PDB file of N, CA and C in Angstrom:
ATOM      1  N   MET A   1       0.841  -1.189   0.000  1.00  0.00           N
ATOM      2  CA  MET A   1       0.000   0.000   0.000  1.00  0.00           C
ATOM      3  C   MET A   1       0.879   1.242   0.000  1.00  0.00           C
ATOM      4  N   LYS A   2       0.408   2.233  -0.696  1.00  0.00           N
ATOM      5  CA  LYS A   2       1.152   3.482  -0.766  1.00  0.00           C
ATOM      6  C   LYS A   2       0.806   4.361   0.429  1.00  0.00           C
ATOM      7  N   TYR A   3       1.734   5.214   0.782  1.00  0.00           N
ATOM      8  CA  TYR A   3       1.523   6.130   1.906  1.00  0.00           C
ATOM      9  C   TYR A   3       0.932   7.436   1.392  1.00  0.00           C
ATOM     10  N   THR A   4      -0.372   7.386   1.109  1.00  0.00           N
ATOM     11  CA  THR A   4      -1.067   8.561   0.599  1.00  0.00           C
ATOM     12  C   THR A   4      -2.325   8.818   1.416  1.00  0.00           C
ATOM     13  N   GLN A   5      -2.886   9.996   1.244  1.00  0.00           N
ATOM     14  CA  GLN A   5      -4.136  10.324   1.926  1.00  0.00           C
ATOM     15  C   GLN A   5      -5.259   9.393   1.471  1.00  0.00           C
ATOM     16  N   ALA A   6      -5.229   8.967   0.213  1.00  0.00           N
ATOM     17  CA  ALA A   6      -6.248   8.040  -0.291  1.00  0.00           C
ATOM     18  C   ALA A   6      -6.198   6.706   0.463  1.00  0.00           C
ATOM     19  N   THR A   7      -4.998   6.246   0.784  1.00  0.00           N
ATOM     20  CA  THR A   7      -4.855   4.991   1.528  1.00  0.00           C
ATOM     21  C   THR A   7      -5.441   5.122   2.922  1.00  0.00           C
ATOM     22  N   ILE A   8      -5.127   6.201   3.611  1.00  0.00           N
ATOM     23  CA  ILE A   8      -5.668   6.370   4.958  1.00  0.00           C
ATOM     24  C   ILE A   8      -7.186   6.522   4.911  1.00  0.00           C
ATOM     25  N   ASN A   9      -7.702   7.148   3.854  1.00  0.00           N
ATOM     26  CA  ASN A   9      -9.150   7.268   3.701  1.00  0.00           C
ATOM     27  C   ASN A   9      -9.802   5.896   3.546  1.00  0.00           C
ATOM     28  N   LYS A  10      -9.158   5.000   2.790  1.00  0.00           N
ATOM     29  CA  LYS A  10      -9.681   3.639   2.612  1.00  0.00           C
ATOM     30  C   LYS A  10      -9.672   2.877   3.932  1.00  0.00           C
ATOM     31  N   LEU A  11      -8.603   3.028   4.703  1.00  0.00           N
ATOM     32  CA  LEU A  11      -8.509   2.343   5.993  1.00  0.00           C
ATOM     33  C   LEU A  11      -9.551   2.890   6.973  1.00  0.00           C
ATOM     34  N   GLU A  12      -9.739   4.198   6.967  1.00  0.00           N
ATOM     35  CA  GLU A  12     -10.762   4.803   7.820  1.00  0.00           C
ATOM     36  C   GLU A  12     -12.154   4.356   7.388  1.00  0.00           C
ATOM     37  N   GLN A  13     -12.351   4.127   6.092  1.00  0.00           N
ATOM     38  CA  GLN A  13     -13.644   3.668   5.588  1.00  0.00           C
ATOM     39  C   GLN A  13     -13.976   2.282   6.139  1.00  0.00           C
ATOM     40  N   ILE A  14     -12.973   1.404   6.207  1.00  0.00           N
ATOM     41  CA  ILE A  14     -13.187   0.072   6.784  1.00  0.00           C
ATOM     42  C   ILE A  14     -13.701   0.219   8.211  1.00  0.00           C
ATOM     43  N   LEU A  15     -13.008   1.033   8.991  1.00  0.00           N
ATOM     44  CA  LEU A  15     -13.391   1.214  10.391  1.00  0.00           C
ATOM     45  C   LEU A  15     -14.763   1.856  10.513  1.00  0.00           C
ATOM     46  N   ASP A  16     -15.041   2.834   9.671  1.00  0.00           N
ATOM     47  CA  ASP A  16     -16.330   3.512   9.704  1.00  0.00           C
ATOM     48  C   ASP A  16     -17.463   2.536   9.389  1.00  0.00           C
ATOM     49  N   GLU A  17     -17.316   1.747   8.356  1.00  0.00           N
ATOM     50  CA  GLU A  17     -18.358   0.795   7.971  1.00  0.00           C
ATOM     51  C   GLU A  17     -18.525  -0.316   9.003  1.00  0.00           C
ATOM     52  N   ALA A  18     -17.483  -0.582   9.784  1.00  0.00           N
ATOM     53  CA  ALA A  18     -17.564  -1.580  10.858  1.00  0.00           C
ATOM     54  C   ALA A  18     -18.025  -0.943  12.165  1.00  0.00           C
ATOM     55  N   SER A  19     -18.493   0.297  12.087  1.00  0.00           N
ATOM     56  CA  SER A  19     -19.044   1.042  13.227  1.00  0.00           C
ATOM     57  C   SER A  19     -18.002   1.423  14.271  1.00  0.00           C
ATOM     58  N   TYR A  20     -16.752   1.542  13.862  1.00  0.00           N
ATOM     59  CA  TYR A  20     -15.716   2.045  14.759  1.00  0.00           C
ATOM     60  C   TYR A  20     -15.572   3.545  14.544  1.00  0.00           C
ATOM     61  N   ILE A  21     -15.308   4.246  15.603  1.00  0.00           N
ATOM     62  CA  ILE A  21     -15.039   5.681  15.538  1.00  0.00           C
ATOM     63  C   ILE A  21     -13.529   5.855  15.596  1.00  0.00           C
ATOM     64  N   VAL A  22     -12.986   6.636  14.676  1.00  0.00           N
ATOM     65  CA  VAL A  22     -11.548   6.907  14.661  1.00  0.00           C
ATOM     66  C   VAL A  22     -11.339   8.312  15.192  1.00  0.00           C
ATOM     67  N   ARG A  23     -10.521   8.402  16.234  1.00  0.00           N
ATOM     68  CA  ARG A  23     -10.211   9.709  16.814  1.00  0.00           C
ATOM     69  C   ARG A  23      -8.707   9.884  16.845  1.00  0.00           C
ATOM     70  N   TYR A  24      -8.292  11.111  16.590  1.00  0.00           N
ATOM     71  CA  TYR A  24      -6.880  11.470  16.670  1.00  0.00           C
ATOM     72  C   TYR A  24      -6.723  12.362  17.886  1.00  0.00           C
ATOM     73  N   GLU A  25      -6.021  11.861  18.888  1.00  0.00           N
ATOM     74  CA  GLU A  25      -5.855  12.575  20.153  1.00  0.00           C
ATOM     75  C   GLU A  25      -4.388  12.539  20.550  1.00  0.00           C
ATOM     76  N   ARG A  26      -4.041  13.434  21.451  1.00  0.00           N
ATOM     77  CA  ARG A  26      -2.677  13.374  21.975  1.00  0.00           C
ATOM     78  C   ARG A  26      -2.700  12.626  23.300  1.00  0.00           C
ATOM     79  N   GLY A  27      -1.575  12.070  23.610  1.00  0.00           N
ATOM     80  CA  GLY A  27      -1.467  11.297  24.839  1.00  0.00           C
ATOM     81  C   GLY A  27      -0.216  10.454  24.795  1.00  0.00           C
ATOM     82  N   THR A  28      -0.021   9.666  25.808  1.00  0.00           N
ATOM     83  CA  THR A  28       1.156   8.806  25.859  1.00  0.00           C
ATOM     84  C   THR A  28       0.731   7.408  25.406  1.00  0.00           C
ATOM     85  N   PHE A  29       0.764   7.205  24.109  1.00  0.00           N
ATOM     86  CA  PHE A  29       0.393   5.926  23.528  1.00  0.00           C
ATOM     87  C   PHE A  29       1.643   5.087  23.361  1.00  0.00           C
ATOM     88  N   GLN A  30       1.589   3.862  23.850  1.00  0.00           N
ATOM     89  CA  GLN A  30       2.737   2.977  23.777  1.00  0.00           C
ATOM     90  C   GLN A  30       3.122   2.712  22.320  1.00  0.00           C
ATOM     91  N   SER A  31       2.145   2.409  21.498  1.00  0.00           N
ATOM     92  CA  SER A  31       2.453   2.065  20.115  1.00  0.00           C
ATOM     93  C   SER A  31       1.704   2.933  19.119  1.00  0.00           C
ATOM     94  N   GLY A  32       1.257   4.075  19.538  1.00  0.00           N
ATOM     95  CA  GLY A  32       0.609   4.983  18.615  1.00  0.00           C
ATOM     96  C   GLY A  32      -0.892   4.867  18.566  1.00  0.00           C
ATOM     97  N   TYR A  33      -1.457   3.901  19.309  1.00  0.00           N
ATOM     98  CA  TYR A  33      -2.906   3.756  19.275  1.00  0.00           C
ATOM     99  C   TYR A  33      -3.442   3.147  20.562  1.00  0.00           C
ATOM    100  N   CYS A  34      -4.730   3.257  20.711  1.00  0.00           N
ATOM    101  CA  CYS A  34      -5.447   2.675  21.844  1.00  0.00           C
ATOM    102  C   CYS A  34      -6.790   2.208  21.293  1.00  0.00           C
ATOM    103  N   ILE A  35      -7.217   1.012  21.645  1.00  0.00           N
ATOM    104  CA  ILE A  35      -8.497   0.501  21.186  1.00  0.00           C
ATOM    105  C   ILE A  35      -9.427   0.373  22.394  1.00  0.00           C
ATOM    106  N   LEU A  36     -10.557   1.009  22.315  1.00  0.00           N
ATOM    107  CA  LEU A  36     -11.577   0.878  23.346  1.00  0.00           C
ATOM    108  C   LEU A  36     -12.643  -0.042  22.769  1.00  0.00           C
ATOM    109  N   GLU A  37     -12.486  -1.350  22.960  1.00  0.00           N
ATOM    110  CA  GLU A  37     -13.343  -2.346  22.318  1.00  0.00           C
ATOM    111  C   GLU A  37     -14.817  -2.169  22.655  1.00  0.00           C
ATOM    112  N   GLN A  38     -15.136  -1.964  23.901  1.00  0.00           N
ATOM    113  CA  GLN A  38     -16.540  -1.898  24.288  1.00  0.00           C
ATOM    114  C   GLN A  38     -17.283  -0.753  23.607  1.00  0.00           C
ATOM    115  N   LYS A  39     -16.564   0.314  23.281  1.00  0.00           N
ATOM    116  CA  LYS A  39     -17.191   1.469  22.656  1.00  0.00           C
ATOM    117  C   LYS A  39     -16.881   1.557  21.172  1.00  0.00           C
ATOM    118  N   LYS A  40     -16.119   0.590  20.650  1.00  0.00           N
ATOM    119  CA  LYS A  40     -15.729   0.577  19.239  1.00  0.00           C
ATOM    120  C   LYS A  40     -15.104   1.903  18.824  1.00  0.00           C
ATOM    121  N   VAL A  41     -14.102   2.308  19.605  1.00  0.00           N
ATOM    122  CA  VAL A  41     -13.376   3.542  19.329  1.00  0.00           C
ATOM    123  C   VAL A  41     -11.901   3.192  19.152  1.00  0.00           C
ATOM    124  N   VAL A  42     -11.303   3.714  18.103  1.00  0.00           N
ATOM    125  CA  VAL A  42      -9.870   3.574  17.872  1.00  0.00           C
ATOM    126  C   VAL A  42      -9.280   4.966  18.017  1.00  0.00           C
ATOM    127  N   VAL A  43      -8.325   5.106  18.927  1.00  0.00           N
ATOM    128  CA  VAL A  43      -7.694   6.397  19.170  1.00  0.00           C
ATOM    129  C   VAL A  43      -6.248   6.301  18.707  1.00  0.00           C
ATOM    130  N   LEU A  44      -5.889   7.182  17.774  1.00  0.00           N
ATOM    131  CA  LEU A  44      -4.520   7.227  17.277  1.00  0.00           C
ATOM    132  C   LEU A  44      -3.841   8.486  17.772  1.00  0.00           C
ATOM    133  N   ASN A  45      -2.540   8.396  17.936  1.00  0.00           N
ATOM    134  CA  ASN A  45      -1.762   9.550  18.354  1.00  0.00           C
ATOM    135  C   ASN A  45      -1.809  10.603  17.253  1.00  0.00           C
ATOM    136  N   LYS A  46      -2.297  11.778  17.574  1.00  0.00           N
ATOM    137  CA  LYS A  46      -2.472  12.813  16.557  1.00  0.00           C
ATOM    138  C   LYS A  46      -1.152  13.376  16.038  1.00  0.00           C
ATOM    139  N   PHE A  47      -0.059  13.088  16.723  1.00  0.00           N
ATOM    140  CA  PHE A  47       1.231  13.593  16.294  1.00  0.00           C
ATOM    141  C   PHE A  47       1.916  12.677  15.284  1.00  0.00           C
ATOM    142  N   LEU A  48       1.303  11.526  14.970  1.00  0.00           N
ATOM    143  CA  LEU A  48       1.868  10.647  13.954  1.00  0.00           C
ATOM    144  C   LEU A  48       1.742  11.291  12.578  1.00  0.00           C
ATOM    145  N   GLN A  49       2.767  11.138  11.789  1.00  0.00           N
ATOM    146  CA  GLN A  49       2.717  11.600  10.403  1.00  0.00           C
ATOM    147  C   GLN A  49       1.886  10.599   9.588  1.00  0.00           C
ATOM    148  N   LEU A  50       1.608  10.925   8.359  1.00  0.00           N
ATOM    149  CA  LEU A  50       0.764  10.101   7.496  1.00  0.00           C
ATOM    150  C   LEU A  50       1.236   8.647   7.445  1.00  0.00           C
ATOM    151  N   GLU A  51       2.528   8.439   7.232  1.00  0.00           N
ATOM    152  CA  GLU A  51       3.072   7.082   7.162  1.00  0.00           C
ATOM    153  C   GLU A  51       2.842   6.332   8.471  1.00  0.00           C
ATOM    154  N   GLY A  52       3.052   6.999   9.597  1.00  0.00           N
ATOM    155  CA  GLY A  52       2.828   6.385  10.901  1.00  0.00           C
ATOM    156  C   GLY A  52       1.365   6.048  11.130  1.00  0.00           C
ATOM    157  N   ARG A  53       0.468   6.913  10.684  1.00  0.00           N
ATOM    158  CA  ARG A  53      -0.972   6.650  10.825  1.00  0.00           C
ATOM    159  C   ARG A  53      -1.374   5.422  10.013  1.00  0.00           C
ATOM    160  N   ILE A  54      -0.875   5.336   8.794  1.00  0.00           N
ATOM    161  CA  ILE A  54      -1.203   4.194   7.943  1.00  0.00           C
ATOM    162  C   ILE A  54      -0.648   2.909   8.542  1.00  0.00           C
ATOM    163  N   ASN A  55       0.622   2.908   8.952  1.00  0.00           N
ATOM    164  CA  ASN A  55       1.215   1.713   9.551  1.00  0.00           C
ATOM    165  C   ASN A  55       0.478   1.305  10.822  1.00  0.00           C
ATOM    166  N   THR A  56       0.073   2.273  11.605  1.00  0.00           N
ATOM    167  CA  THR A  56      -0.655   1.977  12.835  1.00  0.00           C
ATOM    168  C   THR A  56      -2.005   1.350  12.517  1.00  0.00           C
ATOM    169  N   MET A  57      -2.706   1.896  11.540  1.00  0.00           N
ATOM    170  CA  MET A  57      -4.000   1.311  11.151  1.00  0.00           C
ATOM    171  C   MET A  57      -3.828  -0.088  10.586  1.00  0.00           C
ATOM    172  N   LEU A  58      -2.734  -0.309   9.843  1.00  0.00           N
ATOM    173  CA  LEU A  58      -2.464  -1.644   9.317  1.00  0.00           C
ATOM    174  C   LEU A  58      -2.201  -2.633  10.451  1.00  0.00           C
ATOM    175  N   ASP A  59      -1.690  -2.162  11.575  1.00  0.00           N
ATOM    176  CA  ASP A  59      -1.488  -3.010  12.749  1.00  0.00           C
ATOM    177  C   ASP A  59      -2.800  -3.261  13.488  1.00  0.00           C
ATOM    178  N   ILE A  60      -3.634  -2.240  13.549  1.00  0.00           N
ATOM    179  CA  ILE A  60      -4.871  -2.306  14.334  1.00  0.00           C
ATOM    180  C   ILE A  60      -5.948  -3.153  13.665  1.00  0.00           C
ATOM    181  N   ILE A  61      -6.199  -2.916  12.407  1.00  0.00           N
ATOM    182  CA  ILE A  61      -7.369  -3.496  11.735  1.00  0.00           C
ATOM    183  C   ILE A  61      -7.449  -5.023  11.848  1.00  0.00           C
ATOM    184  N   PRO A  62      -6.355  -5.776  11.672  1.00  0.00           N
ATOM    185  CA  PRO A  62      -6.475  -7.232  11.813  1.00  0.00           C
ATOM    186  C   PRO A  62      -6.852  -7.691  13.230  1.00  0.00           C
ATOM    187  N   GLN A  63      -6.663  -6.849  14.228  1.00  0.00           N
ATOM    188  CA  GLN A  63      -6.971  -7.206  15.610  1.00  0.00           C
ATOM    189  C   GLN A  63      -8.446  -7.013  15.966  1.00  0.00           C
ATOM    190  N   LEU A  64      -9.168  -6.274  15.136  1.00  0.00           N
ATOM    191  CA  LEU A  64     -10.541  -5.913  15.446  1.00  0.00           C
ATOM    192  C   LEU A  64     -11.535  -6.968  14.966  1.00  0.00           C
ATOM    193  N   ARG A  65     -12.683  -6.965  15.594  1.00  0.00           N
ATOM    194  CA  ARG A  65     -13.764  -7.863  15.188  1.00  0.00           C
ATOM    195  C   ARG A  65     -14.574  -7.158  14.106  1.00  0.00           C
ATOM    196  N   ILE A  66     -14.260  -7.508  12.861  1.00  0.00           N
ATOM    197  CA  ILE A  66     -14.922  -6.888  11.733  1.00  0.00           C
ATOM    198  C   ILE A  66     -15.518  -7.998  10.872  1.00  0.00           C
ATOM    199  N   SER A  67     -16.790  -7.874  10.588  1.00  0.00           N
ATOM    200  CA  SER A  67     -17.470  -8.826   9.723  1.00  0.00           C
ATOM    201  C   SER A  67     -17.414  -8.315   8.291  1.00  0.00           C
ATOM    202  N   LYS A  68     -16.941  -9.140   7.396  1.00  0.00           N
ATOM    203  CA  LYS A  68     -16.835  -8.725   5.992  1.00  0.00           C
ATOM    204  C   LYS A  68     -18.200  -8.375   5.406  1.00  0.00           C
ATOM    205  N   GLU A  69     -19.248  -9.011   5.922  1.00  0.00           N
ATOM    206  CA  GLU A  69     -20.587  -8.781   5.390  1.00  0.00           C
ATOM    207  C   GLU A  69     -21.076  -7.351   5.607  1.00  0.00           C
ATOM    208  N   GLU A  70     -20.554  -6.670   6.604  1.00  0.00           N
ATOM    209  CA  GLU A  70     -20.995  -5.299   6.858  1.00  0.00           C
ATOM    210  C   GLU A  70     -20.219  -4.260   6.050  1.00  0.00           C
ATOM    211  N   LEU A  71     -19.267  -4.729   5.251  1.00  0.00           N
ATOM    212  CA  LEU A  71     -18.440  -3.815   4.470  1.00  0.00           C
ATOM    213  C   LEU A  71     -18.918  -3.737   3.019  1.00  0.00           C
ATOM    214  N   SER A  72     -18.753  -2.571   2.429  1.00  0.00           N
ATOM    215  CA  SER A  72     -19.029  -2.404   1.000  1.00  0.00           C
ATOM    216  C   SER A  72     -17.980  -3.192   0.215  1.00  0.00           C
ATOM    217  N   ALA A  73     -18.218  -3.372  -1.068  1.00  0.00           N
ATOM    218  CA  ALA A  73     -17.278  -4.141  -1.902  1.00  0.00           C
ATOM    219  C   ALA A  73     -15.884  -3.523  -1.881  1.00  0.00           C
ATOM    220  N   GLU A  74     -15.808  -2.202  -1.974  1.00  0.00           N
ATOM    221  CA  GLU A  74     -14.510  -1.524  -1.970  1.00  0.00           C
ATOM    222  C   GLU A  74     -13.797  -1.699  -0.636  1.00  0.00           C
ATOM    223  N   ALA A  75     -14.518  -1.508   0.460  1.00  0.00           N
ATOM    224  CA  ALA A  75     -13.932  -1.652   1.791  1.00  0.00           C
ATOM    225  C   ALA A  75     -13.544  -3.104   2.051  1.00  0.00           C
ATOM    226  N   ARG A  76     -14.350  -4.047   1.564  1.00  0.00           N
ATOM    227  CA  ARG A  76     -14.044  -5.466   1.751  1.00  0.00           C
ATOM    228  C   ARG A  76     -12.742  -5.821   1.034  1.00  0.00           C
ATOM    229  N   LYS A  77     -12.549  -5.292  -0.168  1.00  0.00           N
ATOM    230  CA  LYS A  77     -11.314  -5.557  -0.916  1.00  0.00           C
ATOM    231  C   LYS A  77     -10.102  -5.019  -0.156  1.00  0.00           C
ATOM    232  N   THR A  78     -10.211  -3.799   0.350  1.00  0.00           N
ATOM    233  CA  THR A  78      -9.113  -3.208   1.126  1.00  0.00           C
ATOM    234  C   THR A  78      -8.869  -4.017   2.393  1.00  0.00           C
ATOM    235  N   TYR A  79      -9.939  -4.419   3.063  1.00  0.00           N
ATOM    236  CA  TYR A  79      -9.834  -5.207   4.295  1.00  0.00           C
ATOM    237  C   TYR A  79      -9.108  -6.526   4.024  1.00  0.00           C
ATOM    238  N   GLU A  80      -9.450  -7.200   2.928  1.00  0.00           N
ATOM    239  CA  GLU A  80      -8.781  -8.450   2.595  1.00  0.00           C
ATOM    240  C   GLU A  80      -7.300  -8.227   2.296  1.00  0.00           C
ATOM    241  N   GLU A  81      -6.959  -7.109   1.666  1.00  0.00           N
ATOM    242  CA  GLU A  81      -5.551  -6.769   1.422  1.00  0.00           C
ATOM    243  C   GLU A  81      -4.805  -6.567   2.741  1.00  0.00           C
ATOM    244  N   VAL A  82      -5.455  -5.908   3.692  1.00  0.00           N
ATOM    245  CA  VAL A  82      -4.846  -5.666   5.003  1.00  0.00           C
ATOM    246  C   VAL A  82      -4.612  -6.998   5.718  1.00  0.00           C
ATOM    247  N   LEU A  83      -5.613  -7.893   5.689  1.00  0.00           N
ATOM    248  CA  LEU A  83      -5.463  -9.196   6.342  1.00  0.00           C
ATOM    249  C   LEU A  83      -4.358 -10.020   5.685  1.00  0.00           C
ATOM    250  N   GLU A  84      -4.278  -9.973   4.358  1.00  0.00           N
ATOM    251  CA  GLU A  84      -3.236 -10.714   3.644  1.00  0.00           C
ATOM    252  C   GLU A  84      -1.852 -10.162   3.994  1.00  0.00           C
ATOM    253  N   ARG A  85      -1.758  -8.852   4.051  1.00  0.00           N
ATOM    254  CA  ARG A  85      -0.483  -8.217   4.416  1.00  0.00           C
ATOM    255  C   ARG A  85      -0.057  -8.645   5.825  1.00  0.00           C
ATOM    256  N   ALA A  86      -1.009  -8.693   6.743  1.00  0.00           N
ATOM    257  CA  ALA A  86      -0.714  -9.100   8.119  1.00  0.00           C
ATOM    258  C   ALA A  86      -0.311 -10.575   8.177  1.00  0.00           C
ATOM    259  N   ARG A  87      -0.973 -11.408   7.365  1.00  0.00           N
ATOM    260  CA  ARG A  87      -0.654 -12.833   7.339  1.00  0.00           C
ATOM    261  C   ARG A  87       0.771 -13.049   6.833  1.00  0.00           C
ATOM    262  N   VAL A  88       1.137 -12.354   5.775  1.00  0.00           N
ATOM    263  CA  VAL A  88       2.485 -12.474   5.207  1.00  0.00           C
ATOM    264  C   VAL A  88       3.528 -11.978   6.211  1.00  0.00           C
ATOM    265  N   ALA A  89       3.243 -10.871   6.864  1.00  0.00           N
ATOM    266  CA  ALA A  89       4.178 -10.334   7.860  1.00  0.00           C
ATOM    267  C   ALA A  89       4.372 -11.317   9.009  1.00  0.00           C
ATOM    268  N   ALA A  90       3.287 -11.973   9.424  1.00  0.00           N
ATOM    269  CA  ALA A  90       3.386 -12.954  10.516  1.00  0.00           C
ATOM    270  C   ALA A  90       4.214 -14.154  10.089  1.00  0.00           C
ATOM    271  N   GLU A  91       4.019 -14.596   8.864  1.00  0.00           N
ATOM    272  CA  GLU A  91       4.805 -15.731   8.363  1.00  0.00           C
ATOM    273  C   GLU A  91       6.282 -15.384   8.286  1.00  0.00           C
ATOM    274  N   GLU A  92       6.586 -14.175   7.821  1.00  0.00           N
ATOM    275  CA  GLU A  92       7.976 -13.756   7.715  1.00  0.00           C
ATOM    276  C   GLU A  92       8.622 -13.608   9.083  1.00  0.00           C
ATOM    277  N   ALA A  93       7.825 -13.255  10.076  1.00  0.00           N
ATOM    278  CA  ALA A  93       8.349 -13.102  11.428  1.00  0.00           C
ATOM    279  C   ALA A  93       8.468 -14.451  12.128  1.00  0.00           C
ATOM    280  N   GLY A  94       7.969 -15.510  11.487  1.00  0.00           N
ATOM    281  CA  GLY A  94       8.055 -16.839  12.071  1.00  0.00           C
ATOM    282  C   GLY A  94       6.947 -17.142  13.045  1.00  0.00           C
ATOM    283  N   ASN A  95       5.934 -16.309  13.084  1.00  0.00           N
ATOM    284  CA  ASN A  95       4.795 -16.544  13.959  1.00  0.00           C
ATOM    285  C   ASN A  95       3.794 -17.442  13.268  1.00  0.00           C
ATOM    286  N   ASN A  96       2.898 -17.990  14.057  1.00  0.00           N
ATOM    287  CA  ASN A  96       1.793 -18.746  13.504  1.00  0.00           C
ATOM    288  C   ASN A  96       0.913 -17.772  12.734  1.00  0.00           C
ATOM    289  N   PRO A  97       0.708 -17.959  11.449  1.00  0.00           N
ATOM    290  CA  PRO A  97      -0.035 -16.977  10.663  1.00  0.00           C
ATOM    291  C   PRO A  97      -1.478 -16.792  11.094  1.00  0.00           C
ATOM    292  N   THR A  98      -2.007 -17.682  11.903  1.00  0.00           N
ATOM    293  CA  THR A  98      -3.395 -17.509  12.335  1.00  0.00           C
ATOM    294  C   THR A  98      -3.505 -16.744  13.648  1.00  0.00           C
ATOM    295  N   ASP A  99      -2.407 -16.498  14.326  1.00  0.00           N
ATOM    296  CA  ASP A  99      -2.444 -15.751  15.579  1.00  0.00           C
ATOM    297  C   ASP A  99      -2.788 -14.292  15.307  1.00  0.00           C
ATOM    298  N   ASN A 100      -3.854 -13.803  15.925  1.00  0.00           N
ATOM    299  CA  ASN A 100      -4.261 -12.389  15.879  1.00  0.00           C
ATOM    300  C   ASN A 100      -4.554 -11.862  14.480  1.00  0.00           C
ATOM    301  N   ILE A 101      -4.687 -12.753  13.510  1.00  0.00           N
ATOM    302  CA  ILE A 101      -4.928 -12.250  12.173  1.00  0.00           C
ATOM    303  C   ILE A 101      -6.261 -12.749  11.636  1.00  0.00           C
ATOM    304  N   GLU A 102      -6.631 -13.953  11.971  1.00  0.00           N
ATOM    305  CA  GLU A 102      -7.911 -14.434  11.512  1.00  0.00           C
ATOM    306  C   GLU A 102      -9.003 -13.521  12.063  1.00  0.00           C
ATOM    307  N   ASN A 103     -10.030 -13.352  11.302  1.00  0.00           N
ATOM    308  CA  ASN A 103     -11.118 -12.488  11.714  1.00  0.00           C
ATOM    309  C   ASN A 103     -11.931 -13.190  12.799  1.00  0.00           C
ATOM    310  N   PRO A 104     -11.876 -12.709  14.054  1.00  0.00           N
ATOM    311  CA  PRO A 104     -12.577 -13.354  15.147  1.00  0.00           C
ATOM    312  C   PRO A 104     -14.083 -13.408  14.918  1.00  0.00           C
ATOM    313  N   ALA A 105     -14.631 -12.501  14.155  1.00  0.00           N
ATOM    314  CA  ALA A 105     -16.069 -12.474  13.914  1.00  0.00           C
ATOM    315  C   ALA A 105     -16.504 -13.638  13.040  1.00  0.00           C
ATOM    316  N   GLU A 106     -15.574 -14.236  12.315  1.00  0.00           N
ATOM    317  CA  GLU A 106     -15.912 -15.318  11.404  1.00  0.00           C
ATOM    318  C   GLU A 106     -15.642 -16.689  11.999  1.00  0.00           C
ATOM    319  N   GLN A 107     -15.090 -16.761  13.168  1.00  0.00           N
ATOM    320  CA  GLN A 107     -14.751 -18.057  13.766  1.00  0.00           C
ATOM    321  C   GLN A 107     -15.961 -18.680  14.400  1.00  0.00           C
TER     322      GLN A 107
END
């Protein structure tokens, strides 16, 4: 994925269609983000540059409970690309590719 505003818009669209609220706030975030699962809120460090925001969202999205059925065709395609990217990264890191990457909503 390219580091452009269009990419971050696509990632935000996935979260929006999955009923997550994306907020950019300042604070002491360990890894640039905080997930409030019960309220479906994703909080990103507002001081991250575009590349950092995209990388952070690419880390967050595979961890969330997102049903593909609630996504539009465009968002579903982007979501599948994100999951595939996470699966490949896990394999390269020597981790079990199903750890934290499979969509928990589909299990």
